[in-house]
Amino acid sequence: MKKQVVFSSYCWIVSALSTALMCGVFIYALKQPDNELAVWSLGGAIVILFLFTLCFMPLSISLDNGSLNINRPLKIKSIPLTDISEVRMCPPTMGTIRIFGSGGWFGWYGWFKEKDLGKYFAYYGKASDCFLVTLKDGSKYMLGCKDAPEMVATIQGKLK
């Protein structure tokens, strides 16, 4: 089973505006005379930012016989089903604090903290599509995909 990560309207707007702004500033810097250091620095920062995004941006969530997979552009994060202790529907709350990661630029990913849940790593595109995966070692992942209740039910069925 494989389900796409659907980005919210907010996510698309933030991603488009931020990317356009970065490109505009870079083009402006290119046109300035004697500004080579600034252009290289800005260009390097933009490349690093996009590489970070390509490493963590969630594209889809898939489930096979032995693992739950978070499919990202450059890498797949696999969580063995034997390591999972609980899966449940659980959208993030308004009190979520971002520790390190993206808060809407090509999705939500990174470390977040909530009063009720504690610290977790997130990979989702829309808060209403989220579910929480708790591992036996206490680690938590907030994941999101299209038809999240169906994904949760399927994972729960494989855990039994």
N, C-alpha and C. Protein backbone atom coordinates (compact mmCIF):
# COMPACT_ATOMS: atom_id res chain seq x y z
N MET A 1 0.84 -1.17 0.00
CA MET A 1 0.00 0.00 0.00
C MET A 1 0.89 1.24 0.00
N LYS A 2 0.54 2.20 -0.84
CA LYS A 2 1.30 3.44 -0.94
C LYS A 2 0.32 4.61 -1.03
N LYS A 3 0.52 5.62 -0.19
CA LYS A 3 -0.35 6.80 -0.16
C LYS A 3 0.50 8.05 -0.31
N GLN A 4 0.08 8.95 -1.18
CA GLN A 4 0.78 10.20 -1.41
C GLN A 4 0.63 11.16 -0.23
N VAL A 5 1.63 11.98 -0.01
CA VAL A 5 1.54 13.08 0.94
C VAL A 5 0.93 14.26 0.19
N VAL A 6 -0.16 14.79 0.73
CA VAL A 6 -0.84 15.92 0.10
C VAL A 6 -0.48 17.19 0.87
N PHE A 7 0.02 18.19 0.15
CA PHE A 7 0.39 19.45 0.79
C PHE A 7 -0.82 20.37 0.91
N SER A 8 -0.89 21.09 2.01
CA SER A 8 -1.97 22.05 2.22
C SER A 8 -1.76 23.28 1.33
N SER A 9 -2.81 24.09 1.20
CA SER A 9 -2.71 25.34 0.44
C SER A 9 -1.64 26.25 1.04
N TYR A 10 -1.62 26.33 2.37
CA TYR A 10 -0.62 27.13 3.08
C TYR A 10 0.78 26.69 2.67
N CYS A 11 0.99 25.40 2.62
CA CYS A 11 2.30 24.84 2.27
C CYS A 11 2.70 25.25 0.85
N TRP A 12 1.77 25.15 -0.09
CA TRP A 12 2.07 25.52 -1.48
C TRP A 12 2.38 27.02 -1.59
N ILE A 13 1.62 27.84 -0.88
CA ILE A 13 1.84 29.29 -0.94
C ILE A 13 3.19 29.66 -0.34
N VAL A 14 3.49 29.13 0.84
CA VAL A 14 4.78 29.41 1.50
C VAL A 14 5.94 28.94 0.62
N SER A 15 5.82 27.76 0.04
CA SER A 15 6.89 27.21 -0.80
C SER A 15 7.10 28.06 -2.05
N ALA A 16 6.01 28.43 -2.71
CA ALA A 16 6.12 29.22 -3.94
C ALA A 16 6.67 30.62 -3.67
N LEU A 17 6.13 31.29 -2.66
CA LEU A 17 6.58 32.65 -2.36
C LEU A 17 8.03 32.68 -1.89
N SER A 18 8.41 31.74 -1.05
CA SER A 18 9.79 31.69 -0.55
C SER A 18 10.77 31.42 -1.68
N THR A 19 10.43 30.48 -2.55
CA THR A 19 11.31 30.16 -3.67
C THR A 19 11.44 31.34 -4.61
N ALA A 20 10.32 32.00 -4.91
CA ALA A 20 10.36 33.17 -5.79
C ALA A 20 11.20 34.29 -5.16
N LEU A 21 11.03 34.51 -3.87
CA LEU A 21 11.80 35.55 -3.18
C LEU A 21 13.30 35.24 -3.22
N MET A 22 13.66 33.98 -2.94
CA MET A 22 15.08 33.61 -2.99
C MET A 22 15.66 33.81 -4.39
N CYS A 23 14.92 33.40 -5.40
CA CYS A 23 15.40 33.57 -6.78
C CYS A 23 15.53 35.05 -7.14
N GLY A 24 14.55 35.85 -6.71
CA GLY A 24 14.60 37.29 -6.98
C GLY A 24 15.81 37.96 -6.33
N VAL A 25 16.05 37.63 -5.08
CA VAL A 25 17.20 38.21 -4.38
C VAL A 25 18.50 37.76 -5.03
N PHE A 26 18.57 36.50 -5.43
CA PHE A 26 19.78 35.99 -6.08
C PHE A 26 20.02 36.70 -7.41
N ILE A 27 18.98 36.87 -8.21
CA ILE A 27 19.12 37.55 -9.50
C ILE A 27 19.52 39.01 -9.29
N TYR A 28 18.92 39.65 -8.30
CA TYR A 28 19.29 41.03 -7.97
C TYR A 28 20.78 41.11 -7.58
N ALA A 29 21.22 40.18 -6.76
CA ALA A 29 22.62 40.17 -6.32
C ALA A 29 23.56 39.94 -7.50
N LEU A 30 23.15 39.12 -8.46
CA LEU A 30 23.98 38.86 -9.64
C LEU A 30 24.21 40.13 -10.45
N LYS A 31 23.24 41.00 -10.48
CA LYS A 31 23.32 42.21 -11.30
C LYS A 31 24.13 43.33 -10.64
N GLN A 32 24.47 43.18 -9.38
CA GLN A 32 25.22 44.21 -8.67
C GLN A 32 26.71 44.08 -8.98
N PRO A 33 27.38 45.20 -9.26
CA PRO A 33 28.82 45.14 -9.55
C PRO A 33 29.64 44.88 -8.28
N ASP A 34 30.75 44.19 -8.43
CA ASP A 34 31.68 43.92 -7.32
C ASP A 34 31.00 43.28 -6.12
N ASN A 35 30.19 42.30 -6.38
CA ASN A 35 29.43 41.64 -5.31
C ASN A 35 29.61 40.13 -5.34
N GLU A 36 30.77 39.70 -5.80
CA GLU A 36 31.00 38.28 -6.04
C GLU A 36 30.89 37.43 -4.77
N LEU A 37 31.44 37.88 -3.66
CA LEU A 37 31.37 37.13 -2.40
C LEU A 37 29.93 36.95 -1.94
N ALA A 38 29.14 38.00 -2.03
CA ALA A 38 27.73 37.92 -1.63
C ALA A 38 26.96 36.96 -2.52
N VAL A 39 27.23 36.99 -3.82
CA VAL A 39 26.54 36.09 -4.76
C VAL A 39 26.88 34.64 -4.45
N TRP A 40 28.16 34.35 -4.24
CA TRP A 40 28.56 32.98 -3.92
C TRP A 40 27.99 32.53 -2.58
N SER A 41 27.98 33.40 -1.60
CA SER A 41 27.43 33.06 -0.28
C SER A 41 25.94 32.80 -0.36
N LEU A 42 25.23 33.68 -1.04
CA LEU A 42 23.78 33.52 -1.19
C LEU A 42 23.46 32.26 -2.00
N GLY A 43 24.18 32.05 -3.08
CA GLY A 43 23.98 30.85 -3.89
C GLY A 43 24.23 29.58 -3.10
N GLY A 44 25.29 29.58 -2.30
CA GLY A 44 25.59 28.41 -1.45
C GLY A 44 24.50 28.15 -0.43
N ALA A 45 24.00 29.22 0.17
CA ALA A 45 22.92 29.07 1.16
C ALA A 45 21.66 28.50 0.52
N ILE A 46 21.34 28.96 -0.68
CA ILE A 46 20.16 28.46 -1.38
C ILE A 46 20.33 26.98 -1.74
N VAL A 47 21.50 26.60 -2.20
CA VAL A 47 21.77 25.19 -2.54
C VAL A 47 21.64 24.31 -1.29
N ILE A 48 22.20 24.74 -0.18
CA ILE A 48 22.12 23.98 1.08
C ILE A 48 20.66 23.83 1.52
N LEU A 49 19.90 24.90 1.41
CA LEU A 49 18.49 24.87 1.79
C LEU A 49 17.71 23.87 0.94
N PHE A 50 17.94 23.88 -0.36
CA PHE A 50 17.24 22.94 -1.24
C PHE A 50 17.72 21.50 -1.04
N LEU A 51 19.00 21.29 -0.74
CA LEU A 51 19.48 19.94 -0.44
C LEU A 51 18.84 19.40 0.83
N PHE A 52 18.73 20.25 1.84
CA PHE A 52 18.04 19.87 3.09
C PHE A 52 16.60 19.46 2.78
N THR A 53 15.94 20.24 1.95
CA THR A 53 14.56 19.93 1.56
C THR A 53 14.49 18.60 0.82
N LEU A 54 15.38 18.36 -0.11
CA LEU A 54 15.37 17.10 -0.86
C LEU A 54 15.66 15.89 0.03
N CYS A 55 16.37 16.09 1.11
CA CYS A 55 16.67 14.99 2.03
C CYS A 55 15.49 14.65 2.94
N PHE A 56 14.63 15.62 3.24
CA PHE A 56 13.59 15.39 4.25
C PHE A 56 12.15 15.55 3.78
N MET A 57 11.90 16.24 2.68
CA MET A 57 10.54 16.48 2.22
C MET A 57 9.80 15.16 1.97
N PRO A 58 8.65 14.95 2.62
CA PRO A 58 7.92 13.69 2.40
C PRO A 58 7.15 13.71 1.09
N LEU A 59 7.24 12.61 0.33
CA LEU A 59 6.49 12.47 -0.92
C LEU A 59 5.33 11.50 -0.76
N SER A 60 5.58 10.38 -0.06
CA SER A 60 4.55 9.37 0.14
C SER A 60 4.91 8.49 1.33
N ILE A 61 3.89 7.77 1.81
CA ILE A 61 4.07 6.79 2.88
C ILE A 61 3.66 5.45 2.29
N SER A 62 4.51 4.45 2.44
CA SER A 62 4.17 3.13 1.91
C SER A 62 4.36 2.07 2.98
N LEU A 63 3.68 0.98 2.77
CA LEU A 63 3.70 -0.13 3.72
C LEU A 63 3.94 -1.41 2.95
N ASP A 64 4.95 -2.16 3.37
CA ASP A 64 5.16 -3.48 2.77
C ASP A 64 5.07 -4.52 3.89
N ASN A 65 5.43 -5.74 3.62
CA ASN A 65 5.27 -6.80 4.61
C ASN A 65 6.06 -6.58 5.89
N GLY A 66 7.22 -5.96 5.79
CA GLY A 66 8.06 -5.84 6.96
C GLY A 66 8.30 -4.45 7.49
N SER A 67 7.90 -3.40 6.75
CA SER A 67 8.23 -2.05 7.22
C SER A 67 7.26 -0.98 6.73
N LEU A 68 7.29 0.11 7.47
CA LEU A 68 6.58 1.34 7.12
C LEU A 68 7.64 2.26 6.53
N ASN A 69 7.41 2.75 5.32
CA ASN A 69 8.41 3.54 4.61
C ASN A 69 7.96 4.98 4.40
N ILE A 70 8.85 5.91 4.68
CA ILE A 70 8.62 7.32 4.41
C ILE A 70 9.46 7.64 3.18
N ASN A 71 8.80 7.84 2.06
CA ASN A 71 9.49 8.05 0.79
C ASN A 71 9.78 9.53 0.60
N ARG A 72 11.08 9.84 0.48
CA ARG A 72 11.56 11.20 0.30
C ARG A 72 12.32 11.26 -1.02
N PRO A 73 12.56 12.45 -1.58
CA PRO A 73 13.21 12.53 -2.89
C PRO A 73 14.56 11.83 -2.99
N LEU A 74 15.41 11.93 -1.98
CA LEU A 74 16.75 11.35 -2.08
C LEU A 74 16.94 10.09 -1.26
N LYS A 75 16.01 9.76 -0.39
CA LYS A 75 16.20 8.61 0.49
C LYS A 75 14.86 8.12 1.02
N ILE A 76 14.80 6.85 1.34
CA ILE A 76 13.62 6.27 1.95
C ILE A 76 13.95 5.93 3.40
N LYS A 77 13.13 6.41 4.32
CA LYS A 77 13.28 6.08 5.74
C LYS A 77 12.36 4.91 6.02
N SER A 78 12.92 3.79 6.47
CA SER A 78 12.14 2.59 6.77
C SER A 78 12.07 2.35 8.27
N ILE A 79 10.87 2.07 8.75
CA ILE A 79 10.66 1.73 10.15
C ILE A 79 10.15 0.29 10.18
N PRO A 80 10.93 -0.65 10.71
CA PRO A 80 10.45 -2.04 10.78
C PRO A 80 9.16 -2.14 11.60
N LEU A 81 8.21 -2.92 11.11
CA LEU A 81 6.94 -3.09 11.83
C LEU A 81 7.15 -3.69 13.21
N THR A 82 8.19 -4.48 13.38
CA THR A 82 8.47 -5.09 14.68
C THR A 82 8.88 -4.06 15.73
N ASP A 83 9.31 -2.85 15.28
CA ASP A 83 9.72 -1.79 16.20
C ASP A 83 8.56 -0.90 16.64
N ILE A 84 7.40 -1.04 15.99
CA ILE A 84 6.26 -0.17 16.26
C ILE A 84 5.42 -0.73 17.40
N SER A 85 5.12 0.11 18.39
CA SER A 85 4.27 -0.33 19.51
C SER A 85 2.84 0.18 19.36
N GLU A 86 2.66 1.35 18.73
CA GLU A 86 1.30 1.91 18.61
C GLU A 86 1.22 2.82 17.40
N VAL A 87 0.04 2.81 16.76
CA VAL A 87 -0.27 3.72 15.66
C VAL A 87 -1.68 4.24 15.90
N ARG A 88 -1.84 5.57 15.82
CA ARG A 88 -3.19 6.14 16.01
C ARG A 88 -3.31 7.47 15.28
N MET A 89 -4.53 7.83 14.92
CA MET A 89 -4.80 9.13 14.32
C MET A 89 -4.50 10.20 15.36
N CYS A 90 -3.80 11.24 14.95
CA CYS A 90 -3.41 12.26 15.93
C CYS A 90 -2.89 13.49 15.20
N PRO A 91 -3.78 14.42 14.83
CA PRO A 91 -3.29 15.63 14.17
C PRO A 91 -2.53 16.51 15.16
N PRO A 92 -1.52 17.24 14.70
CA PRO A 92 -0.78 18.14 15.60
C PRO A 92 -1.70 19.26 16.09
N THR A 93 -1.39 19.80 17.25
CA THR A 93 -2.22 20.85 17.84
C THR A 93 -1.64 22.23 17.54
N MET A 94 -2.37 23.25 17.92
CA MET A 94 -1.91 24.63 17.72
C MET A 94 -0.73 24.97 18.62
N GLY A 95 -0.53 24.19 19.69
CA GLY A 95 0.57 24.45 20.61
C GLY A 95 1.88 23.80 20.23
N THR A 96 1.99 23.33 19.01
CA THR A 96 3.20 22.65 18.55
C THR A 96 4.36 23.65 18.44
N ILE A 97 5.51 23.25 18.95
CA ILE A 97 6.71 24.07 18.87
C ILE A 97 7.70 23.37 17.93
N ARG A 98 8.16 24.11 16.94
CA ARG A 98 9.16 23.57 16.01
C ARG A 98 10.53 23.74 16.63
N ILE A 99 11.23 22.64 16.83
CA ILE A 99 12.58 22.68 17.40
C ILE A 99 13.60 22.91 16.28
N PHE A 100 13.50 22.10 15.22
CA PHE A 100 14.40 22.23 14.08
C PHE A 100 13.75 21.56 12.88
N GLY A 101 13.55 22.30 11.82
CA GLY A 101 12.95 21.73 10.63
C GLY A 101 12.11 22.75 9.88
N SER A 102 11.25 22.26 9.03
CA SER A 102 10.42 23.10 8.18
C SER A 102 9.01 23.21 8.73
N GLY A 103 8.49 24.41 8.74
CA GLY A 103 7.12 24.65 9.19
C GLY A 103 6.20 24.98 8.05
N GLY A 104 6.35 24.31 6.92
CA GLY A 104 5.46 24.52 5.79
C GLY A 104 6.17 24.68 4.46
N TRP A 105 7.49 24.82 4.47
CA TRP A 105 8.23 24.95 3.21
C TRP A 105 8.44 23.57 2.62
N PHE A 106 7.67 23.21 1.62
CA PHE A 106 7.64 21.87 1.02
C PHE A 106 7.29 20.81 2.06
N GLY A 107 6.35 21.13 2.92
CA GLY A 107 5.87 20.19 3.93
C GLY A 107 6.37 20.55 5.32
N TRP A 108 5.93 19.74 6.27
CA TRP A 108 6.40 19.87 7.64
C TRP A 108 7.30 18.67 7.90
N TYR A 109 8.52 18.94 8.27
CA TYR A 109 9.46 17.86 8.59
C TYR A 109 10.47 18.40 9.57
N GLY A 110 10.95 17.52 10.43
CA GLY A 110 11.92 17.91 11.44
C GLY A 110 11.42 17.60 12.83
N TRP A 111 12.14 18.11 13.82
CA TRP A 111 11.80 17.88 15.22
C TRP A 111 10.79 18.90 15.70
N PHE A 112 9.72 18.40 16.33
CA PHE A 112 8.68 19.23 16.90
C PHE A 112 8.41 18.76 18.32
N LYS A 113 7.75 19.62 19.09
CA LYS A 113 7.43 19.27 20.47
C LYS A 113 6.03 19.78 20.80
N GLU A 114 5.27 18.93 21.49
CA GLU A 114 3.94 19.30 21.96
C GLU A 114 3.84 18.96 23.43
N LYS A 115 2.99 19.68 24.13
CA LYS A 115 2.82 19.47 25.56
C LYS A 115 2.35 18.04 25.86
N ASP A 116 1.35 17.56 25.12
CA ASP A 116 0.78 16.23 25.37
C ASP A 116 1.67 15.09 24.87
N LEU A 117 2.24 15.27 23.69
CA LEU A 117 2.96 14.17 23.02
C LEU A 117 4.46 14.13 23.32
N GLY A 118 5.02 15.24 23.71
CA GLY A 118 6.47 15.31 23.87
C GLY A 118 7.13 15.59 22.53
N LYS A 119 8.37 15.15 22.38
CA LYS A 119 9.15 15.41 21.17
C LYS A 119 8.90 14.32 20.14
N TYR A 120 8.77 14.73 18.87
CA TYR A 120 8.59 13.77 17.78
C TYR A 120 9.20 14.31 16.50
N PHE A 121 9.43 13.41 15.55
CA PHE A 121 9.92 13.80 14.23
C PHE A 121 8.74 13.75 13.29
N ALA A 122 8.56 14.79 12.49
CA ALA A 122 7.39 14.88 11.62
C ALA A 122 7.76 14.76 10.15
N TYR A 123 6.85 14.14 9.38
CA TYR A 123 6.90 14.09 7.92
C TYR A 123 5.45 14.16 7.45
N TYR A 124 4.96 15.36 7.13
CA TYR A 124 3.59 15.45 6.62
C TYR A 124 3.40 16.72 5.80
N GLY A 125 2.28 16.76 5.08
CA GLY A 125 1.98 17.90 4.23
C GLY A 125 0.75 18.66 4.64
N LYS A 126 -0.13 18.01 5.40
CA LYS A 126 -1.37 18.63 5.84
C LYS A 126 -1.71 18.08 7.22
N ALA A 127 -1.97 18.97 8.19
CA ALA A 127 -2.20 18.55 9.58
C ALA A 127 -3.40 17.62 9.73
N SER A 128 -4.41 17.79 8.92
CA SER A 128 -5.62 16.96 9.05
C SER A 128 -5.40 15.51 8.61
N ASP A 129 -4.29 15.23 7.94
CA ASP A 129 -3.99 13.88 7.45
C ASP A 129 -3.01 13.12 8.33
N CYS A 130 -2.80 13.56 9.56
CA CYS A 130 -1.71 13.02 10.38
C CYS A 130 -2.09 11.86 11.28
N PHE A 131 -1.09 11.02 11.50
CA PHE A 131 -1.19 9.94 12.49
C PHE A 131 0.15 9.82 13.19
N LEU A 132 0.09 9.30 14.42
CA LEU A 132 1.28 9.18 15.25
C LEU A 132 1.73 7.73 15.33
N VAL A 133 3.00 7.52 15.06
CA VAL A 133 3.61 6.19 15.17
C VAL A 133 4.56 6.24 16.37
N THR A 134 4.31 5.38 17.36
CA THR A 134 5.18 5.31 18.53
C THR A 134 5.96 4.01 18.47
N LEU A 135 7.26 4.11 18.62
CA LEU A 135 8.12 2.93 18.59
C LEU A 135 8.30 2.37 19.99
N LYS A 136 8.76 1.14 20.06
CA LYS A 136 8.97 0.48 21.35
C LYS A 136 10.03 1.18 22.19
N ASP A 137 10.97 1.87 21.54
CA ASP A 137 12.02 2.58 22.30
C ASP A 137 11.56 3.98 22.75
N GLY A 138 10.30 4.34 22.46
CA GLY A 138 9.75 5.63 22.88
C GLY A 138 9.81 6.72 21.83
N SER A 139 10.53 6.48 20.73
CA SER A 139 10.59 7.47 19.64
C SER A 139 9.21 7.62 19.01
N LYS A 140 8.94 8.83 18.53
CA LYS A 140 7.63 9.10 17.92
C LYS A 140 7.82 9.77 16.57
N TYR A 141 6.93 9.41 15.64
CA TYR A 141 6.91 9.99 14.31
C TYR A 141 5.49 10.45 14.01
N MET A 142 5.35 11.71 13.61
CA MET A 142 4.07 12.23 13.15
C MET A 142 4.12 12.16 11.63
N LEU A 143 3.31 11.29 11.06
CA LEU A 143 3.30 11.09 9.62
C LEU A 143 1.96 11.53 9.06
N GLY A 144 1.94 11.86 7.79
CA GLY A 144 0.68 12.26 7.16
C GLY A 144 0.64 11.83 5.72
N CYS A 145 -0.53 11.40 5.29
CA CYS A 145 -0.72 11.00 3.90
C CYS A 145 -2.21 11.03 3.57
N LYS A 146 -2.51 10.92 2.30
CA LYS A 146 -3.90 10.83 1.85
C LYS A 146 -4.51 9.55 2.42
N ASP A 147 -5.76 9.59 2.81
CA ASP A 147 -6.46 8.43 3.40
C ASP A 147 -5.73 7.87 4.62
N ALA A 148 -5.34 8.76 5.51
CA ALA A 148 -4.60 8.36 6.71
C ALA A 148 -5.34 7.33 7.56
N PRO A 149 -6.67 7.42 7.77
CA PRO A 149 -7.35 6.40 8.57
C PRO A 149 -7.20 4.99 7.97
N GLU A 150 -7.22 4.90 6.66
CA GLU A 150 -7.03 3.59 6.01
C GLU A 150 -5.61 3.07 6.24
N MET A 151 -4.63 3.97 6.16
CA MET A 151 -3.24 3.57 6.41
C MET A 151 -3.07 3.11 7.85
N VAL A 152 -3.66 3.84 8.79
CA VAL A 152 -3.56 3.47 10.21
C VAL A 152 -4.20 2.09 10.44
N ALA A 153 -5.37 1.87 9.89
CA ALA A 153 -6.05 0.58 10.06
C ALA A 153 -5.22 -0.57 9.46
N THR A 154 -4.60 -0.33 8.32
CA THR A 154 -3.78 -1.37 7.70
C THR A 154 -2.54 -1.67 8.54
N ILE A 155 -1.90 -0.64 9.07
CA ILE A 155 -0.72 -0.84 9.91
C ILE A 155 -1.12 -1.61 11.17
N GLN A 156 -2.22 -1.19 11.80
CA GLN A 156 -2.70 -1.88 13.00
C GLN A 156 -3.00 -3.34 12.72
N GLY A 157 -3.56 -3.63 11.56
CA GLY A 157 -3.84 -5.01 11.17
C GLY A 157 -2.57 -5.83 11.01
N LYS A 158 -1.51 -5.22 10.48
CA LYS A 158 -0.24 -5.94 10.31
C LYS A 158 0.48 -6.13 11.64
N LEU A 159 0.22 -5.25 12.61
CA LEU A 159 0.88 -5.36 13.92
C LEU A 159 0.32 -6.52 14.73
N LYS A 160 -0.93 -6.91 14.47
CA LYS A 160 -1.57 -7.98 15.27
C LYS A 160 -1.19 -9.35 14.80
